[in-house]
Amino acid sequence: MNTQDERPHPFSEKIRRGELLQADCPSRDVLKHMTSRWGVLVLVVLLGGTHRFSELRRKIGGVSEKMLSQTLQGLEGDGLVHRLSRPVVPPYVEYSLTPLGNAAATKVEAMADWIEENLHEIMQFRREHAVEERT
């Protein structure tokens, strides 16, 4: 047997094969949870360690309580985030990455880093493109 047949197929090859492009592919939900604006930011923040809900909300500017809650639920449902609720008053809930979540967050962080590193060029393109559309 060819060793190439034994290796897992890279994501780019799977895209070409169309699995993720199928409307009923379950990986689409995971993709949505991980790569939404808030999903990316939650994963990146949690790479820094365990956080309470209020800490996450403070660190992630602009996220509403509802959106943060939905994002955390989605990531928890995918096995990427662990939620620990301590039975005390007032309630004490903290969030951390699971091992799977840590691996995912590292990949997402690379994308976020790329955006930050190339933001100047992207913004320059946007400015030039906006001028061209007005003329």
Protein backbone atom coordinates (compact mmCIF):
# COMPACT_ATOMS: atom_id res chain seq x y z
CA MET A 1 0.00 0.00 0.00
CA ASN A 2 1.21 3.50 -0.81
CA THR A 3 2.10 5.45 2.34
CA GLN A 4 0.45 8.50 0.81
CA ASP A 5 -2.90 6.63 0.97
CA GLU A 6 -2.41 6.04 4.70
CA ARG A 7 -1.88 9.70 5.65
CA PRO A 8 -4.86 11.91 6.48
CA HIS A 9 -5.84 14.21 3.67
CA PRO A 10 -5.04 17.89 4.21
CA PHE A 11 -7.90 20.37 4.52
CA SER A 12 -7.16 21.93 1.13
CA GLU A 13 -7.54 18.56 -0.55
CA LYS A 14 -10.81 17.92 1.27
CA ILE A 15 -12.09 21.28 0.05
CA ARG A 16 -11.28 20.25 -3.51
CA ARG A 17 -13.09 16.96 -2.89
CA GLY A 18 -16.09 18.93 -1.66
CA GLU A 19 -16.97 17.44 1.73
CA LEU A 20 -17.00 20.77 3.56
CA LEU A 21 -18.77 22.32 0.60
CA GLN A 22 -21.76 20.00 1.04
CA ALA A 23 -24.71 21.75 2.70
CA ASP A 24 -25.27 18.92 5.19
CA CYS A 25 -21.62 18.51 6.23
CA PRO A 26 -21.49 18.62 10.06
CA SER A 27 -18.05 20.21 9.97
CA ARG A 28 -19.73 23.44 8.83
CA ASP A 29 -21.12 24.03 12.32
CA VAL A 30 -17.69 23.54 13.86
CA LEU A 31 -16.22 25.90 11.26
CA LYS A 32 -18.88 28.48 12.09
CA HIS A 33 -18.20 28.24 15.84
CA MET A 34 -14.42 28.43 15.49
CA THR A 35 -14.15 31.11 12.83
CA SER A 36 -16.91 33.51 13.79
CA ARG A 37 -15.61 36.86 14.95
CA TRP A 38 -16.33 36.02 18.57
CA GLY A 39 -15.24 32.39 18.29
CA VAL A 40 -11.78 33.38 17.10
CA LEU A 41 -11.41 35.95 19.86
CA VAL A 42 -12.62 33.60 22.61
CA LEU A 43 -10.22 30.88 21.49
CA VAL A 44 -7.29 33.29 21.34
CA VAL A 45 -8.04 34.75 24.78
CA LEU A 46 -8.43 31.28 26.32
CA LEU A 47 -4.99 30.33 24.99
CA GLY A 48 -3.80 32.61 27.80
CA GLY A 49 -5.46 30.42 30.42
CA THR A 50 -8.71 29.98 32.31
CA HIS A 51 -11.09 32.95 32.43
CA ARG A 52 -14.39 33.77 34.04
CA PHE A 53 -17.25 35.00 31.85
CA SER A 54 -16.85 38.59 33.01
CA GLU A 55 -13.11 38.51 32.30
CA LEU A 56 -13.74 37.26 28.78
CA ARG A 57 -16.32 39.97 28.20
CA ARG A 58 -13.92 42.66 29.41
CA LYS A 59 -11.06 41.41 27.25
CA ILE A 60 -13.16 41.02 24.10
CA GLY A 61 -14.30 44.53 23.33
CA GLY A 62 -17.73 44.89 21.76
CA VAL A 63 -19.11 41.43 22.48
CA SER A 64 -22.56 41.38 24.06
CA GLU A 65 -23.39 39.08 26.94
CA LYS A 66 -25.77 37.15 24.68
CA MET A 67 -23.21 36.66 21.89
CA LEU A 68 -20.47 35.63 24.29
CA SER A 69 -22.80 33.13 25.92
CA GLN A 70 -23.85 31.67 22.54
CA THR A 71 -20.24 31.51 21.37
CA LEU A 72 -19.10 29.71 24.51
CA GLN A 73 -22.00 27.26 24.26
CA GLY A 74 -21.12 26.45 20.65
CA LEU A 75 -17.45 25.93 21.42
CA GLU A 76 -18.30 23.87 24.50
CA GLY A 77 -20.70 21.76 22.43
CA ASP A 78 -17.89 21.02 19.98
CA GLY A 79 -15.58 19.92 22.80
CA LEU A 80 -13.23 22.88 22.42
CA VAL A 81 -14.07 24.73 25.63
CA HIS A 82 -14.52 23.32 29.13
CA ARG A 83 -17.02 25.04 31.44
CA LEU A 84 -16.55 24.61 35.17
CA SER A 85 -19.38 25.80 37.39
CA ARG A 86 -18.65 25.96 41.11
CA PRO A 87 -21.70 25.62 43.38
CA VAL A 88 -21.29 28.84 45.30
CA VAL A 89 -23.22 32.06 45.71
CA PRO A 90 -22.82 34.12 43.64
CA PRO A 91 -22.29 31.57 40.84
CA TYR A 92 -18.66 31.06 39.85
CA VAL A 93 -18.16 29.80 36.30
CA GLU A 94 -14.85 29.59 34.50
CA TYR A 95 -13.88 28.58 30.99
CA SER A 96 -10.75 26.92 29.68
CA LEU A 97 -9.62 25.15 26.53
CA THR A 98 -9.76 21.40 26.26
CA PRO A 99 -6.77 19.68 24.63
CA LEU A 100 -8.75 19.67 21.36
CA GLY A 101 -9.60 23.34 21.88
CA ASN A 102 -5.96 24.18 22.52
CA ALA A 103 -4.98 22.61 19.19
CA ALA A 104 -7.79 24.48 17.41
CA ALA A 105 -6.99 27.77 19.12
CA THR A 106 -3.38 27.54 18.03
CA LYS A 107 -4.51 27.28 14.39
CA VAL A 108 -6.97 30.15 14.76
CA GLU A 109 -4.33 32.26 16.49
CA ALA A 110 -2.06 31.80 13.45
CA MET A 111 -4.83 33.22 11.25
CA ALA A 112 -5.38 36.14 13.62
CA ASP A 113 -1.64 36.81 13.69
CA TRP A 114 -1.53 36.80 9.88
CA ILE A 115 -4.34 39.38 9.79
CA GLU A 116 -2.52 41.62 12.27
CA GLU A 117 0.77 41.29 10.38
CA ASN A 118 -0.87 42.19 7.06
CA LEU A 119 -3.42 44.71 8.28
CA HIS A 120 -1.53 47.73 6.97
CA GLU A 121 -1.48 46.28 3.45
CA ILE A 122 -5.13 45.25 3.66
CA MET A 123 -6.20 48.70 4.85
CA GLN A 124 -4.17 50.34 2.08
CA PHE A 125 -5.92 48.17 -0.49
CA ARG A 126 -9.30 49.09 0.98
CA ARG A 127 -8.51 52.80 0.79
CA GLU A 128 -7.35 52.52 -2.82
CA HIS A 129 -10.34 50.41 -3.78
CA ALA A 130 -12.75 52.90 -2.15
CA VAL A 131 -11.19 55.75 -4.15
CA GLU A 132 -11.52 53.78 -7.40
CA GLU A 133 -15.21 53.09 -6.74
CA ARG A 134 -15.93 56.80 -6.17
CA THR A 135 -14.31 57.86 -9.43
